[in-house]
Amino acid sequence: MDRHSVQERQARRHLPQLARQRIAERHAGALGGQGVATSQILEIVDAHHHLWDPDRNYHPWLRDEPQIAFRYGDYKALRRRYLQEQYLADTREYKVVGSVYVETEWDPTDPIGEMAYVAELRKAGGLPSVAVGQAWLDRADWGEVLERLTGFDFVRSVRHKPRPGDMKTATRWRRGFAKLARRLGRFDLQTPWIYLGDAAELAREFRSVRIFLNHAGLPVDRTPEEVVGWRRAMARLAQEPNVVVKISGLGVPGVGWTTADNRGIVLTTIDLFGVDRCMFASNFPVDGLCAGFGDIYRGFEKIVRDFTAEERRALFVDNARRLYAIPT
């Protein structure tokens, strides 16, 4: 699996002062309607989506009763077949030129089976372009599983949602992460923002691993106090140049997905990490509980309508393609 090039490490930088000033103006709406029409963005690389068939494959959270606690509440609507046909119907307003399948909390006893299934999907339908596999970094067989996962030429990363304390020094999970650092070099991290301090320390120790923070650090509670805490935690993590961010999963429980609710989150994330370290993603079909695919992506388009064409292209296509090494 390829590692970071010197050029990529140099590219992961904060925005220059002028660009940061422009983003501050966007927060305030100073550039108003001067941007391009949103319909000009047609191509996307979806940096985070799922496909599943719970009738054929065992996903405990999609099959078992009762439902698990979930940030969007009742997710009965997700307990159905969702494969390329359904995904392409949802994305019909856009030209999907690449996509990243992210593990779906498949049967935890069979992480290899999930990637074998993804291989079938890719052969049948072309998508996804690459995949993020399921990982259990604290299990005794993790080394063997890692070796088998990397045998799939489309696997680019793995995801394991750490428990509180897992990312700290001298844990079994941390030792498993060291194996990942030596063999794979990418990791998808999904954790609430209150643990991003631990994530920053992890990133600092393992500089060779590119860490993809999922769902912008999960700013679920949008009260002013919580948003201040989220921003502080994100600012600390942004100091680590090997961390990049997927701007996705931004639905608000009980509200859904609105541009007004998410403008500040999106622009603050880009301000902190820089355009080159951010990418847009759908988190579909999960975020279909909050809004339609087109509603979410039109929201992204409106939020960054005053960015340059190059910046928009980076956020919608080029960054995901480059950071996940997606073939063109």
Protein backbone atom coordinates (compact mmCIF):
# COMPACT_ATOMS: atom_id res chain seq x y z
CA MET A 1 0.00 0.00 0.00
CA ASP A 2 1.41 3.38 -0.92
CA ARG A 3 2.64 5.79 1.77
CA HIS A 4 2.58 9.54 1.86
CA SER A 5 4.78 11.24 -0.67
CA VAL A 6 6.89 14.18 0.39
CA GLN A 7 4.85 16.36 -1.95
CA GLU A 8 1.56 15.31 -0.28
CA ARG A 9 2.92 16.01 3.19
CA GLN A 10 3.99 19.44 2.05
CA ALA A 11 0.56 19.99 0.51
CA ARG A 12 -1.24 19.39 3.82
CA ARG A 13 -1.09 22.92 5.02
CA HIS A 14 -3.39 25.49 6.49
CA LEU A 15 -4.82 28.00 4.08
CA PRO A 16 -2.67 31.05 3.39
CA GLN A 17 -3.77 34.21 5.13
CA LEU A 18 -5.66 35.59 2.12
CA ALA A 19 -7.68 32.40 1.74
CA ARG A 20 -8.44 32.35 5.46
CA GLN A 21 -9.67 35.94 5.18
CA ARG A 22 -11.96 34.95 2.30
CA ILE A 23 -13.45 32.14 4.40
CA ALA A 24 -14.07 34.56 7.25
CA GLU A 25 -15.93 36.77 4.76
CA ARG A 26 -17.98 33.80 3.66
CA HIS A 27 -18.98 33.10 7.25
CA ALA A 28 -20.30 36.65 7.41
CA GLY A 29 -21.97 36.41 4.01
CA ALA A 30 -19.86 39.28 2.68
CA LEU A 31 -19.46 37.65 -0.73
CA GLY A 32 -23.19 36.94 -0.99
CA GLY A 33 -24.33 36.05 -4.48
CA GLN A 34 -21.06 36.61 -6.32
CA GLY A 35 -20.36 32.89 -6.65
CA VAL A 36 -20.97 30.57 -9.55
CA ALA A 37 -24.26 28.81 -10.08
CA THR A 38 -24.43 25.62 -8.01
CA SER A 39 -25.37 23.56 -11.05
CA GLN A 40 -21.83 23.92 -12.42
CA ILE A 41 -20.55 21.21 -10.04
CA LEU A 42 -21.50 17.97 -11.74
CA GLU A 43 -18.68 15.51 -10.95
CA ILE A 44 -18.13 14.15 -7.46
CA VAL A 45 -16.07 11.54 -5.69
CA ASP A 46 -18.17 10.40 -2.75
CA ALA A 47 -15.62 9.88 0.02
CA HIS A 48 -17.92 7.98 2.37
CA HIS A 49 -20.91 5.79 1.55
CA HIS A 50 -22.27 2.32 2.23
CA LEU A 51 -23.89 -0.53 0.31
CA TRP A 52 -25.64 -3.50 1.89
CA ASP A 53 -28.09 -6.33 1.51
CA PRO A 54 -29.21 -7.40 4.99
CA ASP A 55 -31.36 -10.19 3.53
CA ARG A 56 -28.22 -11.87 2.21
CA ASN A 57 -25.56 -10.77 4.70
CA TYR A 58 -25.56 -10.44 8.47
CA HIS A 59 -25.29 -6.90 9.80
CA PRO A 60 -26.27 -7.11 13.49
CA TRP A 61 -27.58 -3.55 13.66
CA LEU A 62 -29.68 -4.01 10.52
CA ARG A 63 -31.07 -7.43 11.45
CA ASP A 64 -31.25 -7.84 15.20
CA GLU A 65 -33.92 -6.55 17.57
CA PRO A 66 -34.22 -4.21 19.32
CA GLN A 67 -32.59 -1.40 17.35
CA ILE A 68 -29.38 -0.03 18.82
CA ALA A 69 -29.17 3.52 20.16
CA PHE A 70 -28.58 5.74 17.13
CA ARG A 71 -27.89 9.46 16.80
CA TYR A 72 -30.60 9.91 14.17
CA GLY A 73 -33.18 7.97 16.17
CA ASP A 74 -35.38 5.34 14.52
CA TYR A 75 -33.53 3.84 11.55
CA LYS A 76 -36.09 1.29 10.39
CA ALA A 77 -35.92 2.81 6.90
CA LEU A 78 -32.29 1.62 6.57
CA ARG A 79 -33.17 -2.04 7.10
CA ARG A 80 -33.46 -2.77 3.41
CA ARG A 81 -31.39 -3.65 0.39
CA TYR A 82 -29.23 -0.72 -0.71
CA LEU A 83 -26.86 -1.53 -3.57
CA GLN A 84 -25.55 0.23 -6.68
CA GLU A 85 -28.99 0.54 -8.26
CA GLN A 86 -30.39 2.42 -5.27
CA TYR A 87 -27.23 4.47 -4.79
CA LEU A 88 -27.13 5.60 -8.42
CA ALA A 89 -30.80 6.54 -8.23
CA ASP A 90 -30.06 8.73 -5.21
CA THR A 91 -27.04 10.33 -6.89
CA ARG A 92 -28.72 10.91 -10.26
CA GLU A 93 -28.21 14.68 -10.13
CA TYR A 94 -24.44 14.19 -10.07
CA LYS A 95 -21.83 12.32 -12.05
CA VAL A 96 -20.13 10.00 -9.57
CA VAL A 97 -16.59 9.54 -10.90
CA GLY A 98 -15.38 7.63 -7.86
CA SER A 99 -16.50 6.46 -4.46
CA VAL A 100 -15.24 5.10 -1.15
CA TYR A 101 -17.17 2.24 0.42
CA VAL A 102 -16.88 2.32 4.20
CA GLU A 103 -17.42 -0.78 6.32
CA THR A 104 -21.02 -1.31 7.34
CA GLU A 105 -20.73 -2.94 10.78
CA TRP A 106 -20.98 -6.30 9.07
CA ASP A 107 -20.80 -9.51 11.11
CA PRO A 108 -17.80 -8.75 13.37
CA THR A 109 -16.62 -12.35 13.17
CA ASP A 110 -16.11 -12.09 9.40
CA PRO A 111 -14.39 -8.86 8.28
CA ILE A 112 -12.84 -10.65 5.30
CA GLY A 113 -16.27 -11.75 4.10
CA GLU A 114 -17.33 -8.12 3.79
CA MET A 115 -14.45 -7.27 1.48
CA ALA A 116 -15.08 -10.42 -0.56
CA TYR A 117 -18.65 -9.18 -0.99
CA VAL A 118 -17.40 -5.73 -2.03
CA ALA A 119 -15.21 -7.43 -4.62
CA GLU A 120 -18.38 -9.01 -6.06
CA LEU A 121 -20.14 -5.64 -6.13
CA ARG A 122 -17.24 -3.97 -7.89
CA LYS A 123 -17.11 -6.70 -10.51
CA ALA A 124 -20.84 -6.43 -11.14
CA GLY A 125 -21.33 -2.68 -11.04
CA GLY A 126 -18.03 -0.77 -11.12
CA LEU A 127 -18.58 0.98 -7.82
CA PRO A 128 -17.20 1.43 -5.26
CA SER A 129 -13.78 2.50 -6.48
CA VAL A 130 -12.00 1.66 -3.23
CA ALA A 131 -13.00 0.46 0.23
CA VAL A 132 -12.41 0.94 3.94
CA GLY A 133 -12.50 -2.40 5.72
CA GLN A 134 -13.67 -3.39 9.15
CA ALA A 135 -10.95 -3.57 11.80
CA TRP A 136 -10.75 -4.80 15.38
CA LEU A 137 -7.35 -3.51 16.38
CA ASP A 138 -7.52 -5.01 19.88
CA ARG A 139 -8.20 -8.60 18.86
CA ALA A 140 -5.64 -11.37 19.00
CA ASP A 141 -6.06 -12.18 15.29
CA TRP A 142 -5.69 -8.58 14.12
CA GLY A 143 -2.32 -9.17 12.47
CA GLU A 144 -3.70 -12.03 10.37
CA VAL A 145 -6.86 -10.07 9.48
CA LEU A 146 -4.78 -7.05 8.46
CA GLU A 147 -2.66 -9.20 6.19
CA ARG A 148 -5.74 -10.65 4.49
CA LEU A 149 -7.44 -7.27 4.14
CA THR A 150 -4.45 -5.81 2.37
CA GLY A 151 -4.64 -8.72 -0.07
CA PHE A 152 -7.60 -6.95 -1.68
CA ASP A 153 -6.11 -4.44 -4.11
CA PHE A 154 -8.99 -1.98 -3.56
CA VAL A 155 -8.71 -1.78 0.25
CA ARG A 156 -7.21 1.57 1.15
CA SER A 157 -7.96 1.93 4.86
CA VAL A 158 -9.71 0.34 7.83
CA ARG A 159 -12.13 1.71 10.40
CA HIS A 160 -12.52 0.84 14.06
CA LYS A 161 -14.57 3.08 16.32
CA PRO A 162 -12.40 3.23 19.45
CA ARG A 163 -13.89 3.05 22.92
CA PRO A 164 -13.00 5.76 25.45
CA GLY A 165 -9.37 5.29 26.41
CA ASP A 166 -8.45 3.05 23.46
CA MET A 167 -6.28 5.66 21.77
CA LYS A 168 -4.14 6.26 24.83
CA THR A 169 -0.60 4.91 25.15
CA ALA A 170 0.04 1.28 26.13
CA THR A 171 -3.39 -0.10 25.33
CA ARG A 172 -3.92 -3.26 23.31
CA TRP A 173 -5.74 -1.11 20.75
CA ARG A 174 -2.70 1.15 20.45
CA ARG A 175 -0.44 -1.84 19.85
CA GLY A 176 -2.81 -2.95 17.11
CA PHE A 177 -2.58 0.51 15.59
CA ALA A 178 1.20 0.13 15.45
CA LYS A 179 0.73 -2.96 13.27
CA LEU A 180 -1.54 -0.96 10.99
CA ALA A 181 1.08 1.77 10.75
CA ARG A 182 3.66 -0.71 9.52
CA ARG A 183 1.42 -2.47 7.00
CA LEU A 184 -1.32 -0.17 5.68
CA GLY A 185 -0.66 3.51 6.41
CA ARG A 186 -4.26 4.78 6.42
CA PHE A 187 -6.92 4.74 9.13
CA ASP A 188 -10.52 5.96 9.23
CA LEU A 189 -11.33 7.34 12.67
CA GLN A 190 -14.87 7.84 13.86
CA THR A 191 -15.09 9.24 17.36
CA PRO A 192 -17.01 12.01 19.13
CA TRP A 193 -15.15 15.31 19.23
CA ILE A 194 -14.59 15.09 22.98
CA TYR A 195 -11.92 12.44 22.26
CA LEU A 196 -10.05 14.39 19.59
CA GLY A 197 -7.31 15.25 22.08
CA ASP A 198 -6.45 11.54 22.24
CA ALA A 199 -6.66 11.43 18.44
CA ALA A 200 -4.18 14.29 18.15
CA GLU A 201 -1.68 12.43 20.35
CA LEU A 202 -2.19 9.28 18.28
CA ALA A 203 -1.57 11.19 15.05
CA ARG A 204 1.51 12.83 16.50
CA GLU A 205 3.06 9.49 17.46
CA PHE A 206 2.20 7.77 14.17
CA ARG A 207 3.17 10.41 11.61
CA SER A 208 3.35 7.84 8.81
CA VAL A 209 -0.39 7.06 9.08
CA ARG A 210 -2.87 9.23 7.27
CA ILE A 211 -5.90 9.53 9.55
CA PHE A 212 -9.28 10.27 7.98
CA LEU A 213 -11.54 11.86 10.57
CA ASN A 214 -15.07 10.73 9.78
CA HIS A 215 -18.06 13.05 9.87
CA ALA A 216 -16.15 16.19 10.90
CA GLY A 217 -15.76 14.93 14.47
CA LEU A 218 -19.52 14.42 14.99
CA PRO A 219 -20.73 17.86 16.13
CA VAL A 220 -24.16 16.43 16.96
CA ASP A 221 -25.21 18.93 19.63
CA ARG A 222 -25.35 22.41 18.08
CA THR A 223 -25.79 24.43 21.27
CA PRO A 224 -23.33 27.36 21.36
CA GLU A 225 -21.31 25.81 24.20
CA GLU A 226 -20.97 22.48 22.41
CA VAL A 227 -19.97 24.11 19.13
CA VAL A 228 -17.25 26.08 20.94
CA GLY A 229 -15.93 22.85 22.44
CA TRP A 230 -16.05 21.08 19.08
CA ARG A 231 -14.13 23.91 17.40
CA ARG A 232 -11.46 23.90 20.10
CA ALA A 233 -10.99 20.14 19.75
CA MET A 234 -10.87 20.36 15.95
CA ALA A 235 -8.29 23.17 16.13
CA ARG A 236 -6.04 20.97 18.24
CA LEU A 237 -6.38 18.04 15.85
CA ALA A 238 -5.76 20.27 12.82
CA GLN A 239 -2.24 20.91 14.10
CA GLU A 240 -1.36 17.34 13.07
CA PRO A 241 -0.58 17.43 9.33
CA ASN A 242 -1.35 13.73 8.76
CA VAL A 243 -5.03 14.19 9.67
CA VAL A 244 -7.63 14.89 6.98
CA VAL A 245 -11.39 15.36 7.35
CA LYS A 246 -14.46 13.99 5.68
CA ILE A 247 -17.23 16.57 5.83
CA SER A 248 -20.25 14.31 6.11
CA GLY A 249 -22.75 12.93 8.59
CA LEU A 250 -23.92 16.41 9.57
CA GLY A 251 -27.62 15.74 10.08
CA VAL A 252 -29.07 17.25 13.24
CA PRO A 253 -31.35 14.94 15.27
CA GLY A 254 -34.92 16.10 15.05
CA VAL A 255 -34.07 18.74 12.43
CA GLY A 256 -32.47 17.00 9.47
CA TRP A 257 -29.89 18.54 7.14
CA THR A 258 -30.08 22.24 6.33
CA THR A 259 -27.59 24.63 4.82
CA ALA A 260 -28.27 27.13 7.60
CA ASP A 261 -27.44 24.58 10.32
CA ASN A 262 -24.30 23.30 8.60
CA ARG A 263 -22.72 26.35 6.99
CA GLY A 264 -20.70 27.25 10.09
CA ILE A 265 -19.56 23.65 10.67
CA VAL A 266 -18.42 23.23 7.07
CA LEU A 267 -16.60 26.56 6.82
CA THR A 268 -14.97 26.22 10.23
CA THR A 269 -13.67 22.76 9.31
CA ILE A 270 -12.19 24.06 6.06
CA ASP A 271 -10.77 27.10 7.85
CA LEU A 272 -8.99 24.91 10.42
CA PHE A 273 -7.70 22.15 8.15
CA GLY A 274 -7.35 23.94 4.82
CA VAL A 275 -8.97 23.04 1.52
CA ASP A 276 -6.32 20.40 0.72
CA ARG A 277 -7.20 18.35 3.81
CA CYS A 278 -11.00 18.29 3.48
CA MET A 279 -13.42 16.38 1.27
CA PHE A 280 -17.17 16.15 0.93
CA ALA A 281 -19.03 12.86 1.37
CA SER A 282 -22.63 11.69 1.57
CA ASN A 283 -22.71 9.02 4.29
CA PHE A 284 -25.53 7.49 2.26
CA PRO A 285 -27.84 5.77 2.80
CA VAL A 286 -27.51 6.64 6.51
CA ASP A 287 -27.91 10.39 6.00
CA GLY A 288 -30.91 9.66 3.84
CA LEU A 289 -32.69 9.66 7.20
CA CYS A 290 -32.03 13.41 7.28
CA ALA A 291 -32.30 14.59 3.67
CA GLY A 292 -32.05 13.55 0.05
CA PHE A 293 -28.63 13.12 -1.55
CA GLY A 294 -29.25 16.10 -3.80
CA ASP A 295 -30.35 18.24 -0.85
CA ILE A 296 -27.08 17.53 0.95
CA TYR A 297 -24.84 18.11 -2.04
CA ARG A 298 -26.70 21.23 -3.11
CA GLY A 299 -26.12 22.42 0.44
CA PHE A 300 -22.38 21.81 0.07
CA GLU A 301 -22.43 23.64 -3.25
CA LYS A 302 -24.19 26.66 -1.77
CA ILE A 303 -21.81 26.83 1.18
CA VAL A 304 -18.68 26.88 -1.01
CA ARG A 305 -20.15 28.74 -3.99
CA ASP A 306 -17.66 31.62 -3.52
CA PHE A 307 -14.61 29.38 -3.42
CA THR A 308 -12.45 29.27 -6.54
CA ALA A 309 -13.13 26.61 -9.15
CA GLU A 310 -9.91 24.85 -8.14
CA GLU A 311 -10.92 24.81 -4.47
CA ARG A 312 -14.37 23.45 -5.23
CA ARG A 313 -12.91 20.77 -7.47
CA ALA A 314 -10.55 19.78 -4.66
CA LEU A 315 -13.37 19.45 -2.13
CA PHE A 316 -15.76 17.56 -4.39
CA VAL A 317 -13.34 15.39 -6.38
CA ASP A 318 -9.59 15.76 -6.26
CA ASN A 319 -8.80 15.45 -2.55
CA ALA A 320 -10.66 12.17 -2.07
CA ARG A 321 -9.12 10.83 -5.26
CA ARG A 322 -5.61 11.79 -4.17
CA LEU A 323 -5.80 10.87 -0.49
CA TYR A 324 -7.46 7.49 -1.05
CA ALA A 325 -5.36 6.77 -4.18
CA ILE A 326 -8.45 6.25 -6.33
CA PRO A 327 -7.56 5.27 -9.91
CA THR A 328 -8.69 7.66 -12.63
